[in-house]
Each structure stands twice: as C-alpha cells, then as structure tokens.
Amino acid sequence: MMMTDRLIGKRFFSAHLHLWTIGLLFCVVTATGCPRMLGLDYQPSNPLRGEGAVGTAPFRYQASEEHRVRPRQVESNQSSKTDLFLTHEIGVFFSDALRLELGWSGYTLSDSSDRIVSGTIRRFYLDWRSEDDRSFELEVDYTVQSGERTLFSWHCSAVEKGPNRLVQDGILIRAGVAACMRRFIEAAQGAGAL
C-alpha cells in the first residue's frame, strides 16, 4: 500500500511540475513576444500602360544598412513586444514587386536594358502602438538611370491605416507598396523616363 501511495505521489508531482513548467514558458513567451514571419504574395494592380525595355536593380533598405533592423525585418516601434519579418529581404521584396508592376503595365523586363530602375527604401515601418489602429509608413527614393546618367529621380511616401488586427499587416504593406509603385510609374512616364 505504501509503495502505491509513493508512485501515485511521484506521478502527481511529476505531472503537476510539467504543467507548471508549460505555464511558466507560456508566460515568458507572452511577456517577451515572439517574432512573426509574414509571407507576402504581391499582386500588381496599377492601371497604367507602357512599353519598351526596362530593368531593375536591387533596392537598398536603409534601416538594415544602418543596423537598426535585419534585412528581412520590418521596422517598428521600439516598445513593440513582437518583431515582424518578411519571408524575403525587404529590398528584394520591393524590387520583385516593382518588376511585377512594370511587367503588368506592359514593359519588357530586361536587365540589359539601357534604363534601370533602382532606389533606396528610407522607411518601411509598421506601427501598432495604438489600441485602435495600425499604420504602415513607406518612404522610397526611386532612380531611373541610363548607364552612369540619372534620367529621373523621385521620392514617394505613403501611409496606410487600418484596424489593429494581425491580419492587417500584410494588407497595409501591400497597399502602401502598390500606391508608391503606381505613383512612381505615373511620374516617370510623365517625365519621359519610362
């Protein structure tokens, strides 16, 4: 009888300790936050039409180059408990999105083209400090070059706001990127650079 009581006591204590450990781990993860990974399936949407060959070069992500964030990390408020990462580096994501938009508009994409679009992403910032809404801020400097000559430079900024829900992150980022892409293509066409 005594042996049975000891075995039951050990099992109870062991199970209780196991649950306590899981509970403690859950509290630590909840308090410190976990990084989130966001895969964006960018779909071109601009209504503009163009023609001719154009190439793209990688965009620089300023926050990453200044070591404020990692190449895949979306810049956010310092007090945020969670870091957000894209599945691709932000500069690569942006360059790929531009290629999709240019192709959608009717341009022939060629890295050997005499017109190359590149630039610097100055701000790629998601803020969810407010309990009511989230906002995505984007600032990009675009450059169209032919050889060593700059044909066109243009700065774009966009702010997209939405309700404070996790599912909004991708929606806000796609909307901000699409808005800047459309305005850039429109301005470059107006200047005769595209």
N, C-alpha and C. Protein backbone atom coordinates (compact mmCIF):
# COMPACT_ATOMS: atom_id res chain seq x y z
N MET A 1 0.82 -1.19 0.00
CA MET A 1 0.00 0.00 0.00
C MET A 1 0.87 1.26 0.00
N MET A 2 1.95 1.24 0.78
CA MET A 2 2.83 2.39 0.87
C MET A 2 3.55 2.65 -0.45
N MET A 3 3.93 1.59 -1.15
CA MET A 3 4.60 1.72 -2.43
C MET A 3 3.67 2.37 -3.45
N THR A 4 2.41 1.98 -3.44
CA THR A 4 1.42 2.54 -4.37
C THR A 4 1.22 4.02 -4.09
N ASP A 5 1.15 4.40 -2.84
CA ASP A 5 0.98 5.81 -2.49
C ASP A 5 2.18 6.64 -2.96
N ARG A 6 3.38 6.10 -2.83
CA ARG A 6 4.57 6.79 -3.29
C ARG A 6 4.58 6.97 -4.80
N LEU A 7 4.21 5.93 -5.56
CA LEU A 7 4.16 6.01 -7.01
C LEU A 7 3.13 7.02 -7.47
N ILE A 8 1.98 6.98 -6.84
CA ILE A 8 0.92 7.95 -7.20
C ILE A 8 1.38 9.35 -6.88
N GLY A 9 2.04 9.55 -5.74
CA GLY A 9 2.54 10.86 -5.35
C GLY A 9 3.58 11.37 -6.33
N LYS A 10 4.50 10.50 -6.77
CA LYS A 10 5.52 10.90 -7.73
C LYS A 10 4.89 11.27 -9.06
N ARG A 11 3.92 10.48 -9.50
CA ARG A 11 3.25 10.79 -10.78
C ARG A 11 2.50 12.10 -10.70
N PHE A 12 1.80 12.32 -9.56
CA PHE A 12 1.05 13.56 -9.39
C PHE A 12 2.01 14.75 -9.38
N PHE A 13 3.10 14.63 -8.63
CA PHE A 13 4.08 15.70 -8.53
C PHE A 13 4.72 15.96 -9.90
N SER A 14 5.06 14.87 -10.60
CA SER A 14 5.70 15.00 -11.92
C SER A 14 4.76 15.67 -12.92
N ALA A 15 3.50 15.27 -12.96
CA ALA A 15 2.52 15.87 -13.88
C ALA A 15 2.28 17.33 -13.50
N HIS A 16 2.20 17.59 -12.19
CA HIS A 16 1.97 18.95 -11.73
C HIS A 16 3.15 19.86 -12.10
N LEU A 17 4.37 19.34 -11.93
CA LEU A 17 5.56 20.10 -12.29
C LEU A 17 5.61 20.36 -13.80
N HIS A 18 5.22 19.38 -14.58
CA HIS A 18 5.19 19.51 -16.03
C HIS A 18 4.22 20.62 -16.46
N LEU A 19 3.03 20.63 -15.89
CA LEU A 19 2.04 21.67 -16.21
C LEU A 19 2.54 23.04 -15.76
N TRP A 20 3.17 23.09 -14.59
CA TRP A 20 3.69 24.35 -14.09
C TRP A 20 4.77 24.88 -15.04
N THR A 21 5.64 24.01 -15.53
CA THR A 21 6.70 24.41 -16.45
C THR A 21 6.12 24.94 -17.75
N ILE A 22 5.12 24.27 -18.29
CA ILE A 22 4.47 24.73 -19.51
C ILE A 22 3.82 26.09 -19.28
N GLY A 23 3.17 26.26 -18.17
CA GLY A 23 2.54 27.55 -17.84
C GLY A 23 3.55 28.67 -17.74
N LEU A 24 4.70 28.38 -17.09
CA LEU A 24 5.76 29.38 -16.97
C LEU A 24 6.33 29.75 -18.34
N LEU A 25 6.57 28.76 -19.18
CA LEU A 25 7.07 29.00 -20.53
C LEU A 25 6.08 29.86 -21.33
N PHE A 26 4.80 29.56 -21.21
CA PHE A 26 3.77 30.34 -21.90
C PHE A 26 3.80 31.80 -21.44
N CYS A 27 3.95 32.02 -20.14
CA CYS A 27 4.00 33.39 -19.61
C CYS A 27 5.23 34.14 -20.13
N VAL A 28 6.38 33.48 -20.18
CA VAL A 28 7.59 34.11 -20.67
C VAL A 28 7.44 34.50 -22.14
N VAL A 29 6.93 33.58 -22.94
CA VAL A 29 6.75 33.85 -24.37
C VAL A 29 5.75 34.98 -24.58
N THR A 30 4.67 34.97 -23.82
CA THR A 30 3.67 36.02 -23.95
C THR A 30 4.22 37.37 -23.53
N ALA A 31 4.99 37.39 -22.47
CA ALA A 31 5.53 38.66 -21.97
C ALA A 31 6.63 39.22 -22.87
N THR A 32 7.46 38.37 -23.41
CA THR A 32 8.58 38.87 -24.22
C THR A 32 8.23 38.99 -25.68
N GLY A 33 7.23 38.32 -26.16
CA GLY A 33 6.85 38.37 -27.57
C GLY A 33 7.69 37.44 -28.41
N CYS A 34 7.14 37.03 -29.50
CA CYS A 34 7.85 36.15 -30.43
C CYS A 34 7.90 36.84 -31.78
N PRO A 35 8.96 36.63 -32.52
CA PRO A 35 8.99 37.21 -33.86
C PRO A 35 7.94 36.53 -34.74
N ARG A 36 7.34 37.31 -35.60
CA ARG A 36 6.36 36.78 -36.55
C ARG A 36 6.94 36.86 -37.94
N MET A 37 6.64 35.84 -38.75
CA MET A 37 7.10 35.79 -40.14
C MET A 37 5.88 36.03 -41.02
N LEU A 38 6.03 36.93 -41.98
CA LEU A 38 4.93 37.28 -42.87
C LEU A 38 5.35 37.04 -44.32
N GLY A 39 4.63 36.18 -44.99
CA GLY A 39 4.85 35.95 -46.41
C GLY A 39 3.88 36.79 -47.21
N LEU A 40 4.38 37.62 -48.09
CA LEU A 40 3.51 38.49 -48.88
C LEU A 40 3.48 38.01 -50.32
N ASP A 41 2.31 37.75 -50.81
CA ASP A 41 2.11 37.39 -52.21
C ASP A 41 1.68 38.66 -52.93
N TYR A 42 2.65 39.41 -53.42
CA TYR A 42 2.35 40.71 -54.04
C TYR A 42 1.71 40.51 -55.41
N GLN A 43 0.59 41.17 -55.62
CA GLN A 43 -0.12 41.12 -56.90
C GLN A 43 -0.14 42.52 -57.51
N PRO A 44 0.37 42.68 -58.73
CA PRO A 44 0.36 44.01 -59.37
C PRO A 44 -1.07 44.46 -59.63
N SER A 45 -1.28 45.76 -59.57
CA SER A 45 -2.66 46.25 -59.71
C SER A 45 -2.78 47.60 -60.41
N ASN A 46 -1.68 48.20 -60.81
CA ASN A 46 -1.81 49.55 -61.36
C ASN A 46 -2.48 49.52 -62.74
N PRO A 47 -3.23 50.57 -63.07
CA PRO A 47 -3.95 50.61 -64.35
C PRO A 47 -3.14 51.23 -65.49
N LEU A 48 -1.88 51.57 -65.24
CA LEU A 48 -1.07 52.28 -66.23
C LEU A 48 -0.56 51.34 -67.31
N ARG A 49 -0.33 51.89 -68.50
CA ARG A 49 0.21 51.11 -69.63
C ARG A 49 1.48 51.76 -70.13
N GLY A 50 2.44 50.92 -70.48
CA GLY A 50 3.70 51.42 -71.01
C GLY A 50 4.29 50.40 -71.95
N GLU A 51 5.40 50.76 -72.56
CA GLU A 51 6.08 49.83 -73.47
C GLU A 51 7.57 50.12 -73.47
N GLY A 52 8.33 49.18 -73.99
CA GLY A 52 9.77 49.32 -74.05
C GLY A 52 10.44 48.45 -73.00
N ALA A 53 11.74 48.36 -73.11
CA ALA A 53 12.52 47.53 -72.19
C ALA A 53 12.96 48.37 -70.99
N VAL A 54 12.91 47.75 -69.83
CA VAL A 54 13.37 48.38 -68.59
C VAL A 54 13.88 47.28 -67.67
N GLY A 55 14.89 47.60 -66.90
CA GLY A 55 15.44 46.66 -65.93
C GLY A 55 15.33 47.22 -64.53
N THR A 56 15.56 46.35 -63.58
CA THR A 56 15.57 46.80 -62.19
C THR A 56 16.85 46.32 -61.52
N ALA A 57 17.32 47.08 -60.58
CA ALA A 57 18.45 46.71 -59.74
C ALA A 57 17.93 46.61 -58.32
N PRO A 58 18.63 45.90 -57.46
CA PRO A 58 18.15 45.75 -56.08
C PRO A 58 17.98 47.10 -55.38
N PHE A 59 16.92 47.18 -54.59
CA PHE A 59 16.70 48.36 -53.76
C PHE A 59 17.45 48.19 -52.46
N ARG A 60 18.00 49.29 -51.96
CA ARG A 60 18.69 49.27 -50.67
C ARG A 60 17.67 49.53 -49.57
N TYR A 61 17.81 48.84 -48.45
CA TYR A 61 16.93 49.03 -47.29
C TYR A 61 17.74 49.76 -46.23
N GLN A 62 17.50 51.05 -46.11
CA GLN A 62 18.31 51.93 -45.27
C GLN A 62 18.36 51.47 -43.81
N ALA A 63 17.24 51.07 -43.23
CA ALA A 63 17.22 50.66 -41.82
C ALA A 63 18.13 49.47 -41.58
N SER A 64 18.21 48.57 -42.54
CA SER A 64 19.09 47.41 -42.42
C SER A 64 20.56 47.82 -42.59
N GLU A 65 20.83 48.69 -43.54
CA GLU A 65 22.21 49.14 -43.76
C GLU A 65 22.75 49.91 -42.55
N GLU A 66 21.85 50.57 -41.82
CA GLU A 66 22.27 51.32 -40.62
C GLU A 66 22.21 50.45 -39.37
N HIS A 67 21.94 49.16 -39.55
CA HIS A 67 21.92 48.16 -38.48
C HIS A 67 20.86 48.44 -37.42
N ARG A 68 19.76 49.08 -37.81
CA ARG A 68 18.63 49.26 -36.89
C ARG A 68 17.76 48.03 -36.88
N VAL A 69 17.71 47.33 -38.02
CA VAL A 69 16.94 46.10 -38.15
C VAL A 69 17.71 45.14 -39.05
N ARG A 70 17.24 43.92 -39.13
CA ARG A 70 17.84 42.94 -40.04
C ARG A 70 17.23 43.08 -41.43
N PRO A 71 17.85 42.51 -42.46
CA PRO A 71 17.37 42.71 -43.84
C PRO A 71 15.92 42.29 -44.10
N ARG A 72 15.39 41.33 -43.35
CA ARG A 72 14.01 40.88 -43.53
C ARG A 72 13.04 41.51 -42.53
N GLN A 73 13.56 42.28 -41.62
CA GLN A 73 12.76 42.80 -40.52
C GLN A 73 12.08 44.12 -40.87
N VAL A 74 10.80 44.18 -40.57
CA VAL A 74 10.03 45.41 -40.75
C VAL A 74 10.33 46.30 -39.55
N GLU A 75 10.69 47.53 -39.81
CA GLU A 75 10.97 48.46 -38.72
C GLU A 75 9.67 48.72 -37.97
N SER A 76 9.75 48.79 -36.63
CA SER A 76 8.55 49.05 -35.83
C SER A 76 8.95 49.83 -34.58
N ASN A 77 7.95 50.21 -33.84
CA ASN A 77 8.13 50.97 -32.61
C ASN A 77 9.02 50.18 -31.65
N GLN A 78 9.94 50.87 -31.00
CA GLN A 78 10.87 50.23 -30.07
C GLN A 78 10.14 49.51 -28.93
N SER A 79 8.96 50.00 -28.55
CA SER A 79 8.24 49.39 -27.43
C SER A 79 7.39 48.18 -27.86
N SER A 80 7.41 47.84 -29.13
CA SER A 80 6.66 46.68 -29.60
C SER A 80 7.20 45.42 -28.96
N LYS A 81 6.30 44.53 -28.61
CA LYS A 81 6.70 43.26 -27.99
C LYS A 81 7.02 42.21 -29.04
N THR A 82 6.67 42.47 -30.28
CA THR A 82 6.85 41.48 -31.33
C THR A 82 7.60 42.09 -32.50
N ASP A 83 8.56 41.34 -33.04
CA ASP A 83 9.25 41.75 -34.26
C ASP A 83 8.55 41.09 -35.43
N LEU A 84 8.46 41.81 -36.54
CA LEU A 84 7.83 41.27 -37.74
C LEU A 84 8.89 41.14 -38.83
N PHE A 85 8.94 39.97 -39.45
CA PHE A 85 9.88 39.68 -40.52
C PHE A 85 9.13 39.25 -41.77
N LEU A 86 9.62 39.66 -42.93
CA LEU A 86 9.09 39.13 -44.19
C LEU A 86 9.87 37.87 -44.52
N THR A 87 9.29 37.02 -45.35
CA THR A 87 9.98 35.81 -45.75
C THR A 87 11.13 36.12 -46.71
N HIS A 88 11.12 37.29 -47.33
CA HIS A 88 12.20 37.73 -48.22
C HIS A 88 12.82 38.99 -47.63
N GLU A 89 14.04 39.28 -48.04
CA GLU A 89 14.63 40.54 -47.63
C GLU A 89 13.77 41.68 -48.17
N ILE A 90 13.65 42.75 -47.43
CA ILE A 90 12.75 43.85 -47.80
C ILE A 90 13.17 44.46 -49.14
N GLY A 91 14.46 44.66 -49.37
CA GLY A 91 14.92 45.21 -50.65
C GLY A 91 14.58 44.30 -51.81
N VAL A 92 14.72 43.00 -51.63
CA VAL A 92 14.38 42.02 -52.67
C VAL A 92 12.87 42.01 -52.91
N PHE A 93 12.08 42.00 -51.82
CA PHE A 93 10.62 42.05 -51.96
C PHE A 93 10.21 43.27 -52.78
N PHE A 94 10.80 44.42 -52.47
CA PHE A 94 10.43 45.66 -53.14
C PHE A 94 10.82 45.62 -54.62
N SER A 95 12.04 45.15 -54.91
CA SER A 95 12.48 45.04 -56.31
C SER A 95 11.58 44.08 -57.09
N ASP A 96 11.23 42.95 -56.48
CA ASP A 96 10.34 41.98 -57.14
C ASP A 96 8.95 42.59 -57.39
N ALA A 97 8.45 43.34 -56.42
CA ALA A 97 7.15 43.99 -56.60
C ALA A 97 7.20 45.00 -57.75
N LEU A 98 8.29 45.75 -57.86
CA LEU A 98 8.43 46.71 -58.96
C LEU A 98 8.46 45.98 -60.30
N ARG A 99 9.19 44.87 -60.38
CA ARG A 99 9.24 44.09 -61.62
C ARG A 99 7.83 43.62 -62.01
N LEU A 100 7.07 43.16 -61.02
CA LEU A 100 5.70 42.72 -61.30
C LEU A 100 4.84 43.86 -61.82
N GLU A 101 4.96 45.03 -61.20
CA GLU A 101 4.17 46.19 -61.63
C GLU A 101 4.56 46.64 -63.03
N LEU A 102 5.88 46.68 -63.32
CA LEU A 102 6.32 47.10 -64.66
C LEU A 102 5.85 46.10 -65.71
N GLY A 103 5.98 44.82 -65.43
CA GLY A 103 5.50 43.79 -66.36
C GLY A 103 4.01 43.87 -66.57
N TRP A 104 3.27 44.11 -65.51
CA TRP A 104 1.80 44.25 -65.57
C TRP A 104 1.42 45.43 -66.46
N SER A 105 2.24 46.49 -66.42
CA SER A 105 1.96 47.68 -67.22
C SER A 105 2.29 47.50 -68.70
N GLY A 106 3.03 46.45 -69.04
CA GLY A 106 3.35 46.20 -70.43
C GLY A 106 4.80 46.38 -70.80
N TYR A 107 5.66 46.72 -69.84
CA TYR A 107 7.08 46.88 -70.12
C TYR A 107 7.73 45.50 -70.28
N THR A 108 8.75 45.45 -71.11
CA THR A 108 9.56 44.24 -71.25
C THR A 108 10.69 44.33 -70.24
N LEU A 109 10.78 43.34 -69.38
CA LEU A 109 11.79 43.36 -68.32
C LEU A 109 13.08 42.75 -68.83
N SER A 110 14.15 43.54 -68.76
CA SER A 110 15.45 43.08 -69.25
C SER A 110 16.54 43.75 -68.44
N ASP A 111 17.36 42.95 -67.81
CA ASP A 111 18.47 43.52 -67.03
C ASP A 111 19.53 44.16 -67.91
N SER A 112 19.49 43.88 -69.21
CA SER A 112 20.46 44.50 -70.11
C SER A 112 19.88 45.76 -70.78
N SER A 113 18.74 46.21 -70.30
CA SER A 113 18.11 47.42 -70.84
C SER A 113 18.98 48.64 -70.57
N ASP A 114 18.81 49.68 -71.39
CA ASP A 114 19.54 50.92 -71.14
C ASP A 114 18.88 51.75 -70.04
N ARG A 115 17.68 51.37 -69.60
CA ARG A 115 17.01 52.05 -68.48
C ARG A 115 16.90 51.08 -67.31
N ILE A 116 17.48 51.45 -66.18
CA ILE A 116 17.47 50.61 -64.98
C ILE A 116 16.86 51.42 -63.84
N VAL A 117 15.90 50.80 -63.16
CA VAL A 117 15.26 51.44 -62.00
C VAL A 117 15.85 50.82 -60.73
N SER A 118 16.27 51.68 -59.83
CA SER A 118 16.77 51.22 -58.53
C SER A 118 16.34 52.25 -57.50
N GLY A 119 16.80 52.09 -56.28
CA GLY A 119 16.45 53.09 -55.28
C GLY A 119 16.80 52.67 -53.87
N THR A 120 16.32 53.48 -52.95
CA THR A 120 16.56 53.26 -51.53
C THR A 120 15.23 53.32 -50.79
N ILE A 121 14.98 52.32 -49.98
CA ILE A 121 13.80 52.30 -49.12
C ILE A 121 14.22 53.00 -47.83
N ARG A 122 13.74 54.23 -47.66
CA ARG A 122 14.13 55.04 -46.50
C ARG A 122 13.34 54.64 -45.25
N ARG A 123 12.10 54.22 -45.45
CA ARG A 123 11.24 53.86 -44.31
C ARG A 123 10.32 52.73 -44.73
N PHE A 124 10.28 51.68 -43.93
CA PHE A 124 9.39 50.53 -44.13
C PHE A 124 8.97 50.16 -42.72
N TYR A 125 7.97 50.90 -42.21
CA TYR A 125 7.69 50.97 -40.78
C TYR A 125 6.24 50.61 -40.50
N LEU A 126 6.05 49.68 -39.60
CA LEU A 126 4.71 49.27 -39.18
C LEU A 126 4.53 49.62 -37.72
N ASP A 127 3.48 50.36 -37.40
CA ASP A 127 3.26 50.82 -36.04
C ASP A 127 1.91 50.33 -35.54
N TRP A 128 1.93 49.65 -34.40
CA TRP A 128 0.67 49.23 -33.80
C TRP A 128 0.64 49.62 -32.33
N ARG A 129 1.15 50.81 -32.04
CA ARG A 129 1.13 51.34 -30.67
C ARG A 129 -0.28 51.59 -30.20
N SER A 130 -1.09 52.14 -31.08
CA SER A 130 -2.46 52.48 -30.72
C SER A 130 -3.28 51.20 -30.54
N GLU A 131 -4.19 51.22 -29.60
CA GLU A 131 -5.06 50.06 -29.40
C GLU A 131 -6.12 49.95 -30.48
N ASP A 132 -6.37 51.05 -31.20
CA ASP A 132 -7.46 51.05 -32.17
C ASP A 132 -7.02 50.80 -33.61
N ASP A 133 -5.81 51.21 -33.97
CA ASP A 133 -5.43 51.05 -35.37
C ASP A 133 -3.95 50.74 -35.53
N ARG A 134 -3.62 50.32 -36.75
CA ARG A 134 -2.24 50.07 -37.16
C ARG A 134 -1.96 50.99 -38.32
N SER A 135 -0.69 51.31 -38.50
CA SER A 135 -0.35 52.10 -39.67
C SER A 135 0.96 51.59 -40.25
N PHE A 136 1.04 51.67 -41.58
CA PHE A 136 2.25 51.32 -42.30
C PHE A 136 2.74 52.56 -43.01
N GLU A 137 4.02 52.89 -42.81
CA GLU A 137 4.62 54.07 -43.42
C GLU A 137 5.74 53.62 -44.35
N LEU A 138 5.71 54.14 -45.57
CA LEU A 138 6.69 53.79 -46.58
C LEU A 138 7.27 55.06 -47.17
N GLU A 139 8.60 55.12 -47.28
CA GLU A 139 9.28 56.20 -47.99
C GLU A 139 10.34 55.57 -48.88
N VAL A 140 10.31 55.91 -50.16
CA VAL A 140 11.22 55.31 -51.13
C VAL A 140 11.74 56.39 -52.06
N ASP A 141 13.04 56.34 -52.34
CA ASP A 141 13.64 57.18 -53.37
C ASP A 141 13.91 56.28 -54.58
N TYR A 142 13.28 56.61 -55.70
CA TYR A 142 13.46 55.86 -56.94
C TYR A 142 14.45 56.60 -57.84
N THR A 143 15.21 55.85 -58.63
CA THR A 143 16.12 56.43 -59.61
C THR A 143 16.03 55.62 -60.89
N VAL A 144 15.88 56.32 -62.02
CA VAL A 144 15.95 55.67 -63.33
C VAL A 144 17.26 56.14 -63.95
N GLN A 145 18.12 55.16 -64.29
CA GLN A 145 19.42 55.50 -64.86
C GLN A 145 19.59 54.87 -66.23
N SER A 146 20.40 55.54 -67.02
CA SER A 146 20.85 55.01 -68.30
C SER A 146 22.37 55.11 -68.27
N GLY A 147 23.02 53.97 -68.09
CA GLY A 147 24.47 54.00 -67.91
C GLY A 147 24.80 54.71 -66.62
N GLU A 148 25.64 55.70 -66.67
CA GLU A 148 26.02 56.48 -65.49
C GLU A 148 25.12 57.71 -65.30
N ARG A 149 24.26 57.97 -66.28
CA ARG A 149 23.43 59.17 -66.26
C ARG A 149 22.09 58.91 -65.57
N THR A 150 21.71 59.79 -64.66
CA THR A 150 20.41 59.70 -63.99
C THR A 150 19.37 60.40 -64.85
N LEU A 151 18.39 59.63 -65.30
CA LEU A 151 17.32 60.18 -66.13
C LEU A 151 16.20 60.80 -65.29
N PHE A 152 15.96 60.19 -64.13
CA PHE A 152 14.81 60.61 -63.33
C PHE A 152 15.01 60.15 -61.89
N SER A 153 14.72 61.03 -60.94
CA SER A 153 14.71 60.69 -59.51
C SER A 153 13.38 61.12 -58.94
N TRP A 154 12.88 60.32 -58.03
CA TRP A 154 11.57 60.64 -57.48
C TRP A 154 11.43 60.06 -56.08
N HIS A 155 10.81 60.82 -55.18
CA HIS A 155 10.58 60.38 -53.80
C HIS A 155 9.09 60.09 -53.62
N CYS A 156 8.81 58.98 -52.98
CA CYS A 156 7.42 58.62 -52.69
C CYS A 156 7.27 58.32 -51.22
N SER A 157 6.17 58.75 -50.66
CA SER A 157 5.82 58.33 -49.30
C SER A 157 4.35 57.96 -49.28
N ALA A 158 4.03 56.98 -48.47
CA ALA A 158 2.65 56.51 -48.34
C ALA A 158 2.41 56.12 -46.90
N VAL A 159 1.20 56.36 -46.44
CA VAL A 159 0.78 55.93 -45.11
C VAL A 159 -0.55 55.22 -45.29
N GLU A 160 -0.60 53.98 -44.81
CA GLU A 160 -1.84 53.20 -44.87
C GLU A 160 -2.25 52.88 -43.44
N LYS A 161 -3.54 53.06 -43.14
CA LYS A 161 -4.06 52.79 -41.79
C LYS A 161 -5.18 51.78 -41.86
N GLY A 162 -5.29 51.00 -40.80
CA GLY A 162 -6.35 50.00 -40.72
C GLY A 162 -6.57 49.61 -39.27
N PRO A 163 -7.55 48.73 -39.03
CA PRO A 163 -7.84 48.30 -37.67
C PRO A 163 -6.66 47.51 -37.07
N ASN A 164 -6.59 47.51 -35.76
CA ASN A 164 -5.49 46.86 -35.06
C ASN A 164 -5.73 45.35 -34.97
N ARG A 165 -5.48 44.67 -36.08
CA ARG A 165 -5.59 43.21 -36.14
C ARG A 165 -4.36 42.68 -36.87
N LEU A 166 -3.86 41.52 -36.44
CA LEU A 166 -2.67 40.95 -37.06
C LEU A 166 -2.81 40.75 -38.56
N VAL A 167 -4.00 40.38 -39.01
CA VAL A 167 -4.19 40.12 -40.45
C VAL A 167 -4.04 41.39 -41.28
N GLN A 168 -4.08 42.54 -40.66
CA GLN A 168 -3.96 43.81 -41.38
C GLN A 168 -2.54 44.08 -41.86
N ASP A 169 -1.54 43.50 -41.22
CA ASP A 169 -0.15 43.82 -41.55
C ASP A 169 0.13 43.65 -43.04
N GLY A 170 -0.15 42.48 -43.58
CA GLY A 170 0.10 42.23 -45.00
C GLY A 170 -0.72 43.12 -45.90
N ILE A 171 -1.96 43.35 -45.53
CA ILE A 171 -2.86 44.19 -46.33
C ILE A 171 -2.32 45.63 -46.40
N LEU A 172 -1.90 46.16 -45.25
CA LEU A 172 -1.39 47.53 -45.21
C LEU A 172 -0.08 47.66 -45.99
N ILE A 173 0.82 46.68 -45.85
CA ILE A 173 2.10 46.73 -46.56
C ILE A 173 1.86 46.67 -48.07
N ARG A 174 1.02 45.74 -48.52
CA ARG A 174 0.74 45.63 -49.97
C ARG A 174 0.11 46.91 -50.50
N ALA A 175 -0.83 47.49 -49.75
CA ALA A 175 -1.50 48.72 -50.21
C ALA A 175 -0.51 49.89 -50.31
N GLY A 176 0.38 50.04 -49.32
CA GLY A 176 1.35 51.12 -49.35
C GLY A 176 2.35 50.96 -50.49
N VAL A 177 2.83 49.73 -50.69
CA VAL A 177 3.78 49.47 -51.78
C VAL A 177 3.11 49.72 -53.13
N ALA A 178 1.89 49.23 -53.31
CA ALA A 178 1.17 49.42 -54.57
C ALA A 178 0.93 50.90 -54.87
N ALA A 179 0.59 51.67 -53.83
CA ALA A 179 0.35 53.10 -54.03
C ALA A 179 1.63 53.81 -54.50
N CYS A 180 2.76 53.50 -53.89
CA CYS A 180 4.03 54.13 -54.30
C CYS A 180 4.44 53.67 -55.70
N MET A 181 4.24 52.41 -56.01
CA MET A 181 4.62 51.90 -57.33
C MET A 181 3.82 52.61 -58.43
N ARG A 182 2.52 52.71 -58.21
CA ARG A 182 1.65 53.37 -59.21
C ARG A 182 2.07 54.82 -59.40
N ARG A 183 2.29 55.55 -58.29
CA ARG A 183 2.65 56.96 -58.41
C ARG A 183 4.03 57.14 -59.05
N PHE A 184 4.96 56.22 -58.75
CA PHE A 184 6.28 56.30 -59.38
C PHE A 184 6.18 56.08 -60.89
N ILE A 185 5.51 55.04 -61.30
CA ILE A 185 5.40 54.75 -62.75
C ILE A 185 4.72 55.91 -63.46
N GLU A 186 3.68 56.45 -62.87
CA GLU A 186 2.96 57.58 -63.46
C GLU A 186 3.89 58.80 -63.59
N ALA A 187 4.66 59.10 -62.54
CA ALA A 187 5.57 60.26 -62.59
C ALA A 187 6.69 60.04 -63.58
N ALA A 188 7.25 58.82 -63.63
CA ALA A 188 8.34 58.52 -64.57
C ALA A 188 7.86 58.59 -66.00
N GLN A 189 6.62 58.12 -66.24
CA GLN A 189 6.07 58.22 -67.59
C GLN A 189 5.86 59.70 -67.97
N GLY A 190 5.36 60.48 -67.02
CA GLY A 190 5.14 61.90 -67.29
C GLY A 190 6.43 62.64 -67.60
N ALA A 191 7.54 62.19 -67.01
CA ALA A 191 8.84 62.82 -67.26
C ALA A 191 9.54 62.23 -68.48
N GLY A 192 8.94 61.22 -69.10
CA GLY A 192 9.54 60.58 -70.27
C GLY A 192 10.68 59.62 -69.93
N ALA A 193 10.81 59.24 -68.66
CA ALA A 193 11.88 58.33 -68.25
C ALA A 193 11.49 56.86 -68.42
N LEU A 194 10.22 56.58 -68.50
CA LEU A 194 9.73 55.22 -68.75
C LEU A 194 8.84 55.22 -69.99
